[in-house]
Amino acid sequence: ATSVLEVLCLLVFLGRLTHFAKVTLHNVFWKDTKNICIMVAILLSLTDLAVYGVLRLYGVRSIRWSRIVRPVFLINFAESRQIRRAFRSIRNTLPEITYVFLLFMFSLLMFSLMALKLFGERNLQTAEGLPYFRNYLEIVFDLYVLVTTANSPDVMMPAFDFSSWYALFF
């Protein structure tokens, strides 16, 4: 049922694109990258759907890889000027905030390493009885949670209960 619905949506998009191709000049239509992106997205989606259907007939489980192409439809239609403007603003802002993001990640990774060395050998446990700050990747995630203040006290309480001086670290 979902595949039939997807084919119907793709046919509507294709009909819309062919209508637009009929009312615009041939050179103008083929020079616009939005039209080419929509056409490629439709072809990729139909190809993926056909391959998925054939594999499904033979009992082979597969993954639909063309689902990541669906935002192309949202961005490239004429009514989506505001969305394109927002994406353009994000794209122009990314180079400026990259250095701040890299500095944040560096400090998060360094403090995670410090937490591993500082708390890893103390045999502390969380409130649930799990080991506290013994796995580096879990420490990175816990300190990220601490930075977002989503669950701030829960991350630092086992160390704070051990010694109140550890509050300086957090």
C-alpha atoms as a PDB file:
ATOM      1  CA  ALA A   1       0.000   0.000   0.000  1.00  0.00           C
ATOM      2  CA  THR A   2       2.801   2.433   0.831  1.00  0.00           C
ATOM      3  CA  SER A   3       4.611   1.586  -2.392  1.00  0.00           C
ATOM      4  CA  VAL A   4       1.477   2.287  -4.421  1.00  0.00           C
ATOM      5  CA  LEU A   5       1.029   5.587  -2.602  1.00  0.00           C
ATOM      6  CA  GLU A   6       4.648   6.468  -3.255  1.00  0.00           C
ATOM      7  CA  VAL A   7       4.277   5.681  -6.967  1.00  0.00           C
ATOM      8  CA  LEU A   8       1.185   7.901  -7.094  1.00  0.00           C
ATOM      9  CA  CYS A   9       3.062  10.762  -5.430  1.00  0.00           C
ATOM     10  CA  LEU A  10       5.989  10.328  -7.807  1.00  0.00           C
ATOM     11  CA  LEU A  11       3.608  10.363 -10.766  1.00  0.00           C
ATOM     12  CA  VAL A  12       2.069  13.608  -9.484  1.00  0.00           C
ATOM     13  CA  PHE A  13       5.557  15.102  -9.164  1.00  0.00           C
ATOM     14  CA  LEU A  14       6.420  13.872 -12.659  1.00  0.00           C
ATOM     15  CA  GLY A  15       3.185  15.313 -14.057  1.00  0.00           C
ATOM     16  CA  ARG A  16       3.888  18.606 -12.392  1.00  0.00           C
ATOM     17  CA  LEU A  17       7.396  18.639 -13.817  1.00  0.00           C
ATOM     18  CA  THR A  18       6.235  17.804 -17.330  1.00  0.00           C
ATOM     19  CA  HIS A  19       3.573  20.528 -17.129  1.00  0.00           C
ATOM     20  CA  PHE A  20       6.238  23.014 -16.114  1.00  0.00           C
ATOM     21  CA  ALA A  21       8.428  21.791 -18.982  1.00  0.00           C
ATOM     22  CA  LYS A  22       5.579  22.421 -21.445  1.00  0.00           C
ATOM     23  CA  VAL A  23       4.973  26.025 -20.340  1.00  0.00           C
ATOM     24  CA  THR A  24       8.617  27.135 -20.125  1.00  0.00           C
ATOM     25  CA  LEU A  25      11.185  27.454 -22.816  1.00  0.00           C
ATOM     26  CA  HIS A  26      13.237  24.341 -23.506  1.00  0.00           C
ATOM     27  CA  ASN A  27      16.593  26.040 -22.785  1.00  0.00           C
ATOM     28  CA  VAL A  28      15.330  27.658 -19.596  1.00  0.00           C
ATOM     29  CA  PHE A  29      13.885  24.396 -18.267  1.00  0.00           C
ATOM     30  CA  TRP A  30      17.074  22.357 -18.766  1.00  0.00           C
ATOM     31  CA  LYS A  31      19.373  25.050 -17.345  1.00  0.00           C
ATOM     32  CA  ASP A  32      17.497  25.189 -14.037  1.00  0.00           C
ATOM     33  CA  THR A  33      19.202  22.845 -11.578  1.00  0.00           C
ATOM     34  CA  LYS A  34      16.029  22.511  -9.497  1.00  0.00           C
ATOM     35  CA  ASN A  35      14.278  20.763 -12.398  1.00  0.00           C
ATOM     36  CA  ILE A  36      17.200  18.434 -12.964  1.00  0.00           C
ATOM     37  CA  CYS A  37      17.361  17.602  -9.239  1.00  0.00           C
ATOM     38  CA  ILE A  38      13.654  16.757  -9.160  1.00  0.00           C
ATOM     39  CA  MET A  39      13.968  14.598 -12.265  1.00  0.00           C
ATOM     40  CA  VAL A  40      16.967  12.716 -10.873  1.00  0.00           C
ATOM     41  CA  ALA A  41      15.184  12.251  -7.540  1.00  0.00           C
ATOM     42  CA  ILE A  42      12.108  10.835  -9.292  1.00  0.00           C
ATOM     43  CA  LEU A  43      14.227   8.448 -11.369  1.00  0.00           C
ATOM     44  CA  LEU A  44      16.235   7.316  -8.338  1.00  0.00           C
ATOM     45  CA  SER A  45      13.081   6.752  -6.310  1.00  0.00           C
ATOM     46  CA  LEU A  46      11.388   4.774  -9.072  1.00  0.00           C
ATOM     47  CA  THR A  47      14.509   2.687  -9.652  1.00  0.00           C
ATOM     48  CA  ASP A  48      14.851   1.977  -5.948  1.00  0.00           C
ATOM     49  CA  LEU A  49      11.169   1.070  -5.722  1.00  0.00           C
ATOM     50  CA  ALA A  50      11.476  -1.307  -8.689  1.00  0.00           C
ATOM     51  CA  VAL A  51      14.611  -2.986  -7.287  1.00  0.00           C
ATOM     52  CA  TYR A  52      12.965  -3.276  -3.887  1.00  0.00           C
ATOM     53  CA  GLY A  53       9.847  -4.832  -5.448  1.00  0.00           C
ATOM     54  CA  VAL A  54      11.849  -7.386  -7.436  1.00  0.00           C
ATOM     55  CA  LEU A  55      13.951  -8.334  -4.418  1.00  0.00           C
ATOM     56  CA  ARG A  56      10.800  -8.612  -2.330  1.00  0.00           C
ATOM     57  CA  LEU A  57       9.297 -11.017  -4.873  1.00  0.00           C
ATOM     58  CA  TYR A  58      12.318 -13.296  -4.462  1.00  0.00           C
ATOM     59  CA  GLY A  59      12.134 -13.080  -0.670  1.00  0.00           C
ATOM     60  CA  VAL A  60      15.281 -11.007  -0.230  1.00  0.00           C
ATOM     61  CA  ARG A  61      15.106  -8.359   2.467  1.00  0.00           C
ATOM     62  CA  SER A  62      16.579  -5.049   1.422  1.00  0.00           C
ATOM     63  CA  ILE A  63      16.711  -1.446   2.518  1.00  0.00           C
ATOM     64  CA  ARG A  64      15.115   1.434   0.640  1.00  0.00           C
ATOM     65  CA  TRP A  65      18.064   3.782   0.100  1.00  0.00           C
ATOM     66  CA  SER A  66      16.187   6.435  -1.865  1.00  0.00           C
ATOM     67  CA  ARG A  67      14.319   7.767   1.152  1.00  0.00           C
ATOM     68  CA  ILE A  68      17.135  10.193   1.790  1.00  0.00           C
ATOM     69  CA  VAL A  69      16.290  11.810  -1.573  1.00  0.00           C
ATOM     70  CA  ARG A  70      12.783  12.851  -0.479  1.00  0.00           C
ATOM     71  CA  PRO A  71      13.808  16.252   0.950  1.00  0.00           C
ATOM     72  CA  VAL A  72      14.850  17.199  -2.593  1.00  0.00           C
ATOM     73  CA  PHE A  73      11.155  17.366  -3.478  1.00  0.00           C
ATOM     74  CA  LEU A  74      10.442  19.624  -0.529  1.00  0.00           C
ATOM     75  CA  ILE A  75      13.264  22.023  -1.316  1.00  0.00           C
ATOM     76  CA  ASN A  76      13.095  22.263  -5.097  1.00  0.00           C
ATOM     77  CA  PHE A  77       9.463  23.027  -5.819  1.00  0.00           C
ATOM     78  CA  ALA A  78       8.471  26.596  -6.617  1.00  0.00           C
ATOM     79  CA  GLU A  79       6.411  27.024  -3.432  1.00  0.00           C
ATOM     80  CA  SER A  80       9.456  26.292  -1.283  1.00  0.00           C
ATOM     81  CA  ARG A  81      11.243  29.617  -1.629  1.00  0.00           C
ATOM     82  CA  GLN A  82      11.295  30.186   2.130  1.00  0.00           C
ATOM     83  CA  ILE A  83      12.742  26.726   2.781  1.00  0.00           C
ATOM     84  CA  ARG A  84      15.448  27.289   0.154  1.00  0.00           C
ATOM     85  CA  ARG A  85      16.217  30.663   1.726  1.00  0.00           C
ATOM     86  CA  ALA A  86      16.556  29.026   5.154  1.00  0.00           C
ATOM     87  CA  PHE A  87      18.875  26.323   3.767  1.00  0.00           C
ATOM     88  CA  ARG A  88      20.938  28.989   2.020  1.00  0.00           C
ATOM     89  CA  SER A  89      21.250  30.915   5.297  1.00  0.00           C
ATOM     90  CA  ILE A  90      22.330  27.776   7.137  1.00  0.00           C
ATOM     91  CA  ARG A  91      24.854  26.947   4.409  1.00  0.00           C
ATOM     92  CA  ASN A  92      26.305  30.475   4.592  1.00  0.00           C
ATOM     93  CA  THR A  93      26.489  30.384   8.382  1.00  0.00           C
ATOM     94  CA  LEU A  94      28.186  26.988   8.711  1.00  0.00           C
ATOM     95  CA  PRO A  95      31.726  28.148   7.844  1.00  0.00           C
ATOM     96  CA  GLU A  96      31.524  30.839  10.498  1.00  0.00           C
ATOM     97  CA  ILE A  97      30.423  28.523  13.295  1.00  0.00           C
ATOM     98  CA  THR A  98      32.667  25.603  12.362  1.00  0.00           C
ATOM     99  CA  TYR A  99      35.541  26.879  14.482  1.00  0.00           C
ATOM    100  CA  VAL A 100      33.298  27.313  17.510  1.00  0.00           C
ATOM    101  CA  PHE A 101      31.930  23.789  17.036  1.00  0.00           C
ATOM    102  CA  LEU A 102      35.440  22.348  16.710  1.00  0.00           C
ATOM    103  CA  LEU A 103      36.551  24.175  19.851  1.00  0.00           C
ATOM    104  CA  PHE A 104      33.509  22.861  21.699  1.00  0.00           C
ATOM    105  CA  MET A 105      34.206  19.297  20.556  1.00  0.00           C
ATOM    106  CA  PHE A 106      37.872  19.590  21.508  1.00  0.00           C
ATOM    107  CA  SER A 107      37.012  20.805  25.007  1.00  0.00           C
ATOM    108  CA  LEU A 108      34.349  18.113  25.397  1.00  0.00           C
ATOM    109  CA  LEU A 109      36.788  15.376  24.356  1.00  0.00           C
ATOM    110  CA  MET A 110      39.550  16.738  26.586  1.00  0.00           C
ATOM    111  CA  PHE A 111      37.288  17.016  29.632  1.00  0.00           C
ATOM    112  CA  SER A 112      36.025  13.498  28.929  1.00  0.00           C
ATOM    113  CA  LEU A 113      39.594  12.233  28.980  1.00  0.00           C
ATOM    114  CA  MET A 114      40.226  14.123  32.217  1.00  0.00           C
ATOM    115  CA  ALA A 115      37.049  12.623  33.734  1.00  0.00           C
ATOM    116  CA  LEU A 116      38.157   9.133  32.730  1.00  0.00           C
ATOM    117  CA  LYS A 117      41.482   9.605  34.496  1.00  0.00           C
ATOM    118  CA  LEU A 118      39.975  11.409  37.468  1.00  0.00           C
ATOM    119  CA  PHE A 119      36.967   9.195  38.202  1.00  0.00           C
ATOM    120  CA  GLY A 120      37.712   5.923  36.411  1.00  0.00           C
ATOM    121  CA  GLU A 121      39.801   4.381  39.202  1.00  0.00           C
ATOM    122  CA  ARG A 122      37.550   5.459  42.089  1.00  0.00           C
ATOM    123  CA  ASN A 123      34.970   2.627  41.592  1.00  0.00           C
ATOM    124  CA  LEU A 124      32.056   5.047  41.789  1.00  0.00           C
ATOM    125  CA  GLN A 125      28.539   3.994  40.807  1.00  0.00           C
ATOM    126  CA  THR A 126      25.485   5.798  39.502  1.00  0.00           C
ATOM    127  CA  ALA A 127      22.162   5.788  41.360  1.00  0.00           C
ATOM    128  CA  GLU A 128      21.167   2.748  39.289  1.00  0.00           C
ATOM    129  CA  GLY A 129      24.289   0.861  40.415  1.00  0.00           C
ATOM    130  CA  LEU A 130      26.074   1.125  37.074  1.00  0.00           C
ATOM    131  CA  PRO A 131      29.795   1.921  36.807  1.00  0.00           C
ATOM    132  CA  TYR A 132      30.437   5.661  36.749  1.00  0.00           C
ATOM    133  CA  PHE A 133      32.788   7.215  34.173  1.00  0.00           C
ATOM    134  CA  ARG A 134      34.634   4.076  33.090  1.00  0.00           C
ATOM    135  CA  ASN A 135      33.933   4.093  29.331  1.00  0.00           C
ATOM    136  CA  TYR A 136      35.277   7.012  27.282  1.00  0.00           C
ATOM    137  CA  LEU A 137      32.382   7.236  24.800  1.00  0.00           C
ATOM    138  CA  GLU A 138      29.815   7.104  27.588  1.00  0.00           C
ATOM    139  CA  ILE A 139      31.720   9.877  29.370  1.00  0.00           C
ATOM    140  CA  VAL A 140      31.596  12.000  26.215  1.00  0.00           C
ATOM    141  CA  PHE A 141      27.837  11.510  26.021  1.00  0.00           C
ATOM    142  CA  ASP A 142      27.348  12.190  29.740  1.00  0.00           C
ATOM    143  CA  LEU A 143      29.367  15.387  29.572  1.00  0.00           C
ATOM    144  CA  TYR A 144      27.428  16.447  26.491  1.00  0.00           C
ATOM    145  CA  VAL A 145      24.236  15.921  28.498  1.00  0.00           C
ATOM    146  CA  LEU A 146      25.796  17.981  31.265  1.00  0.00           C
ATOM    147  CA  VAL A 147      26.590  20.811  28.833  1.00  0.00           C
ATOM    148  CA  THR A 148      23.019  20.860  27.541  1.00  0.00           C
ATOM    149  CA  THR A 149      21.798  20.900  31.179  1.00  0.00           C
ATOM    150  CA  ALA A 150      19.167  18.340  30.218  1.00  0.00           C
ATOM    151  CA  ASN A 151      20.052  16.029  33.096  1.00  0.00           C
ATOM    152  CA  SER A 152      22.710  18.051  34.811  1.00  0.00           C
ATOM    153  CA  PRO A 153      22.549  16.897  38.454  1.00  0.00           C
ATOM    154  CA  ASP A 154      22.322  13.192  37.585  1.00  0.00           C
ATOM    155  CA  VAL A 155      25.619  13.271  35.704  1.00  0.00           C
ATOM    156  CA  MET A 156      27.660  14.870  38.472  1.00  0.00           C
ATOM    157  CA  MET A 157      25.974  13.527  41.632  1.00  0.00           C
ATOM    158  CA  PRO A 158      27.992  10.292  42.049  1.00  0.00           C
ATOM    159  CA  ALA A 159      31.253  12.260  42.031  1.00  0.00           C
ATOM    160  CA  PHE A 160      29.773  15.034  44.167  1.00  0.00           C
ATOM    161  CA  ASP A 161      28.595  12.472  46.735  1.00  0.00           C
ATOM    162  CA  PHE A 162      32.138  11.075  46.881  1.00  0.00           C
ATOM    163  CA  SER A 163      33.673  14.512  47.434  1.00  0.00           C
ATOM    164  CA  SER A 164      32.138  17.952  47.163  1.00  0.00           C
ATOM    165  CA  TRP A 165      35.421  19.260  45.697  1.00  0.00           C
ATOM    166  CA  TYR A 166      34.588  17.471  42.441  1.00  0.00           C
ATOM    167  CA  ALA A 167      31.988  20.170  41.810  1.00  0.00           C
ATOM    168  CA  LEU A 168      34.908  22.312  40.609  1.00  0.00           C
ATOM    169  CA  PHE A 169      35.458  19.892  37.738  1.00  0.00           C
ATOM    170  CA  PHE A 170      31.866  19.977  36.623  1.00  0.00           C
END
